[in-house]
Amino acid sequence: PHKCRNETPFLVLLVASLPQDTAARRAVRATWGNERAAGGARVVRLFLTGVHPVFGAPLQRLLREESARYGDLL
């Protein structure tokens, strides 16, 4: 919710991601999904993820930690 609060982005990248796929999210952040300005326009990246009840509390805790660190999980 804080990604667009101070400045309206030109482009929002919504990336579907499995909850347990932290390595893929890390790779996207480091490569094509970084949040550099493109031609002076602000780019924002958000990952769409969810937690199935089967995964339980341990995965939810890890997702909360990742969200606190990067602020890009929905």
N, C-alpha and C. Protein backbone atom coordinates (compact mmCIF):
# COMPACT_ATOMS: atom_id res chain seq x y z
N PRO A 1 0.81 -1.22 0.00
CA PRO A 1 0.00 0.00 0.00
C PRO A 1 0.84 1.27 0.00
N HIS A 2 2.11 1.15 0.37
CA HIS A 2 2.95 2.35 0.45
C HIS A 2 3.71 2.64 -0.83
N LYS A 3 3.67 1.74 -1.77
CA LYS A 3 4.45 1.90 -3.00
C LYS A 3 4.01 3.11 -3.83
N CYS A 4 2.73 3.44 -3.80
CA CYS A 4 2.21 4.51 -4.66
C CYS A 4 1.74 5.72 -3.86
N ARG A 5 2.05 5.76 -2.60
CA ARG A 5 1.53 6.81 -1.72
C ARG A 5 2.11 8.18 -2.06
N ASN A 6 3.42 8.28 -2.23
CA ASN A 6 4.06 9.59 -2.41
C ASN A 6 4.16 10.04 -3.86
N GLU A 7 4.16 9.09 -4.76
CA GLU A 7 4.33 9.42 -6.17
C GLU A 7 3.59 8.40 -7.03
N THR A 8 2.87 8.88 -8.01
CA THR A 8 2.14 7.99 -8.91
C THR A 8 3.10 7.35 -9.90
N PRO A 9 3.12 6.01 -9.96
CA PRO A 9 4.03 5.36 -10.91
C PRO A 9 3.53 5.46 -12.34
N PHE A 10 4.47 5.42 -13.26
CA PHE A 10 4.15 5.37 -14.68
C PHE A 10 3.75 3.95 -15.08
N LEU A 11 4.45 2.95 -14.48
CA LEU A 11 4.22 1.56 -14.82
C LEU A 11 4.23 0.72 -13.55
N VAL A 12 3.25 -0.16 -13.40
CA VAL A 12 3.20 -1.09 -12.28
C VAL A 12 3.34 -2.50 -12.86
N LEU A 13 4.39 -3.20 -12.45
CA LEU A 13 4.61 -4.58 -12.87
C LEU A 13 3.98 -5.50 -11.84
N LEU A 14 2.97 -6.27 -12.23
CA LEU A 14 2.34 -7.25 -11.34
C LEU A 14 2.84 -8.63 -11.77
N VAL A 15 3.56 -9.28 -10.88
CA VAL A 15 4.20 -10.55 -11.19
C VAL A 15 3.55 -11.64 -10.35
N ALA A 16 2.94 -12.63 -10.99
CA ALA A 16 2.36 -13.76 -10.27
C ALA A 16 3.49 -14.64 -9.76
N SER A 17 3.36 -15.07 -8.49
CA SER A 17 4.43 -15.84 -7.88
C SER A 17 3.85 -16.83 -6.89
N LEU A 18 4.39 -18.05 -6.91
CA LEU A 18 4.01 -19.02 -5.88
C LEU A 18 4.54 -18.55 -4.54
N PRO A 19 3.80 -18.73 -3.47
CA PRO A 19 4.24 -18.25 -2.16
C PRO A 19 5.62 -18.76 -1.75
N GLN A 20 5.91 -20.01 -2.07
CA GLN A 20 7.17 -20.61 -1.64
C GLN A 20 8.35 -20.30 -2.57
N ASP A 21 8.14 -19.57 -3.64
CA ASP A 21 9.18 -19.34 -4.64
C ASP A 21 10.00 -18.07 -4.38
N THR A 22 10.66 -18.04 -3.25
CA THR A 22 11.45 -16.86 -2.87
C THR A 22 12.62 -16.63 -3.83
N ALA A 23 13.24 -17.70 -4.32
CA ALA A 23 14.38 -17.55 -5.23
C ALA A 23 13.96 -16.87 -6.53
N ALA A 24 12.79 -17.21 -7.05
CA ALA A 24 12.32 -16.57 -8.29
C ALA A 24 12.04 -15.09 -8.06
N ARG A 25 11.44 -14.75 -6.92
CA ARG A 25 11.18 -13.33 -6.63
C ARG A 25 12.49 -12.56 -6.49
N ARG A 26 13.47 -13.17 -5.84
CA ARG A 26 14.78 -12.54 -5.69
C ARG A 26 15.40 -12.30 -7.06
N ALA A 27 15.29 -13.26 -7.96
CA ALA A 27 15.85 -13.12 -9.31
C ALA A 27 15.14 -12.01 -10.08
N VAL A 28 13.83 -11.92 -9.96
CA VAL A 28 13.08 -10.86 -10.66
C VAL A 28 13.50 -9.49 -10.12
N ARG A 29 13.63 -9.37 -8.80
CA ARG A 29 14.06 -8.10 -8.20
C ARG A 29 15.43 -7.67 -8.71
N ALA A 30 16.31 -8.64 -8.93
CA ALA A 30 17.68 -8.34 -9.32
C ALA A 30 17.85 -8.12 -10.82
N THR A 31 16.86 -8.53 -11.62
CA THR A 31 17.02 -8.45 -13.07
C THR A 31 15.94 -7.57 -13.70
N TRP A 32 15.08 -8.14 -14.51
CA TRP A 32 14.13 -7.35 -15.30
C TRP A 32 13.07 -6.65 -14.46
N GLY A 33 12.85 -7.07 -13.23
CA GLY A 33 11.80 -6.47 -12.41
C GLY A 33 12.31 -5.44 -11.42
N ASN A 34 13.52 -4.93 -11.63
CA ASN A 34 14.00 -3.93 -10.68
C ASN A 34 13.19 -2.65 -10.84
N GLU A 35 13.28 -1.78 -9.88
CA GLU A 35 12.42 -0.60 -9.86
C GLU A 35 13.14 0.68 -10.29
N ARG A 36 14.08 0.55 -11.18
CA ARG A 36 14.73 1.74 -11.71
C ARG A 36 13.72 2.53 -12.53
N ALA A 37 13.96 3.81 -12.62
CA ALA A 37 13.13 4.63 -13.49
C ALA A 37 13.45 4.29 -14.93
N ALA A 38 12.42 4.18 -15.74
CA ALA A 38 12.59 3.89 -17.17
C ALA A 38 12.34 5.18 -17.94
N GLY A 39 13.41 5.75 -18.47
CA GLY A 39 13.27 7.00 -19.21
C GLY A 39 12.74 8.13 -18.34
N GLY A 40 13.09 8.09 -17.06
CA GLY A 40 12.64 9.11 -16.12
C GLY A 40 11.27 8.82 -15.52
N ALA A 41 10.61 7.76 -15.95
CA ALA A 41 9.29 7.40 -15.43
C ALA A 41 9.45 6.36 -14.32
N ARG A 42 8.71 6.51 -13.27
CA ARG A 42 8.81 5.62 -12.11
C ARG A 42 8.15 4.27 -12.41
N VAL A 43 8.87 3.19 -12.09
CA VAL A 43 8.38 1.83 -12.27
C VAL A 43 8.25 1.18 -10.89
N VAL A 44 7.12 0.53 -10.64
CA VAL A 44 6.87 -0.16 -9.37
C VAL A 44 6.61 -1.63 -9.66
N ARG A 45 7.18 -2.51 -8.83
CA ARG A 45 7.01 -3.95 -8.98
C ARG A 45 6.26 -4.49 -7.77
N LEU A 46 5.26 -5.31 -8.03
CA LEU A 46 4.51 -5.99 -6.96
C LEU A 46 4.34 -7.45 -7.33
N PHE A 47 4.46 -8.32 -6.34
CA PHE A 47 4.25 -9.74 -6.55
C PHE A 47 2.88 -10.13 -6.03
N LEU A 48 2.11 -10.82 -6.87
CA LEU A 48 0.81 -11.35 -6.47
C LEU A 48 1.03 -12.76 -5.98
N THR A 49 0.73 -13.00 -4.73
CA THR A 49 0.92 -14.31 -4.14
C THR A 49 -0.19 -14.58 -3.16
N GLY A 50 -0.27 -15.75 -2.68
CA GLY A 50 -1.28 -16.11 -1.69
C GLY A 50 -0.77 -17.31 -0.93
N VAL A 51 -1.45 -17.64 0.13
CA VAL A 51 -1.04 -18.79 0.93
C VAL A 51 -2.21 -19.76 1.04
N HIS A 52 -2.00 -20.95 0.56
CA HIS A 52 -3.00 -22.00 0.67
C HIS A 52 -2.92 -22.57 2.09
N PRO A 53 -4.03 -22.94 2.69
CA PRO A 53 -4.00 -23.46 4.06
C PRO A 53 -3.05 -24.64 4.26
N VAL A 54 -2.76 -25.39 3.21
CA VAL A 54 -1.86 -26.53 3.32
C VAL A 54 -0.45 -26.09 3.73
N PHE A 55 -0.03 -24.90 3.30
CA PHE A 55 1.33 -24.45 3.59
C PHE A 55 1.50 -24.05 5.05
N GLY A 56 0.47 -23.56 5.68
CA GLY A 56 0.50 -23.30 7.11
C GLY A 56 1.30 -22.09 7.54
N ALA A 57 1.44 -21.99 8.85
CA ALA A 57 2.05 -20.83 9.49
C ALA A 57 3.52 -20.60 9.14
N PRO A 58 4.37 -21.62 9.00
CA PRO A 58 5.78 -21.33 8.70
C PRO A 58 5.97 -20.50 7.43
N LEU A 59 5.25 -20.83 6.37
CA LEU A 59 5.37 -20.08 5.13
C LEU A 59 4.81 -18.67 5.30
N GLN A 60 3.72 -18.52 6.00
CA GLN A 60 3.15 -17.20 6.24
C GLN A 60 4.13 -16.31 6.98
N ARG A 61 4.84 -16.87 7.95
CA ARG A 61 5.84 -16.10 8.70
C ARG A 61 6.95 -15.62 7.76
N LEU A 62 7.43 -16.51 6.89
CA LEU A 62 8.48 -16.14 5.94
C LEU A 62 8.00 -15.06 4.97
N LEU A 63 6.76 -15.16 4.52
CA LEU A 63 6.21 -14.15 3.62
C LEU A 63 6.08 -12.80 4.31
N ARG A 64 5.69 -12.79 5.57
CA ARG A 64 5.62 -11.53 6.31
C ARG A 64 7.00 -10.89 6.42
N GLU A 65 8.02 -11.71 6.70
CA GLU A 65 9.38 -11.18 6.79
C GLU A 65 9.85 -10.62 5.44
N GLU A 66 9.56 -11.34 4.37
CA GLU A 66 9.94 -10.88 3.04
C GLU A 66 9.20 -9.59 2.69
N SER A 67 7.93 -9.52 3.04
CA SER A 67 7.15 -8.32 2.76
C SER A 67 7.68 -7.13 3.55
N ALA A 68 8.07 -7.34 4.79
CA ALA A 68 8.63 -6.26 5.61
C ALA A 68 9.94 -5.76 5.01
N ARG A 69 10.72 -6.67 4.46
CA ARG A 69 12.02 -6.29 3.89
C ARG A 69 11.87 -5.54 2.57
N TYR A 70 11.02 -6.04 1.66
CA TYR A 70 10.93 -5.48 0.32
C TYR A 70 9.68 -4.63 0.08
N GLY A 71 8.61 -4.88 0.82
CA GLY A 71 7.38 -4.12 0.65
C GLY A 71 6.73 -4.28 -0.71
N ASP A 72 6.86 -5.49 -1.29
CA ASP A 72 6.33 -5.66 -2.65
C ASP A 72 5.47 -6.91 -2.81
N LEU A 73 4.96 -7.47 -1.71
CA LEU A 73 4.11 -8.66 -1.79
C LEU A 73 2.65 -8.28 -1.57
N LEU A 74 1.78 -8.83 -2.40
CA LEU A 74 0.34 -8.66 -2.21
C LEU A 74 -0.25 -10.01 -1.92
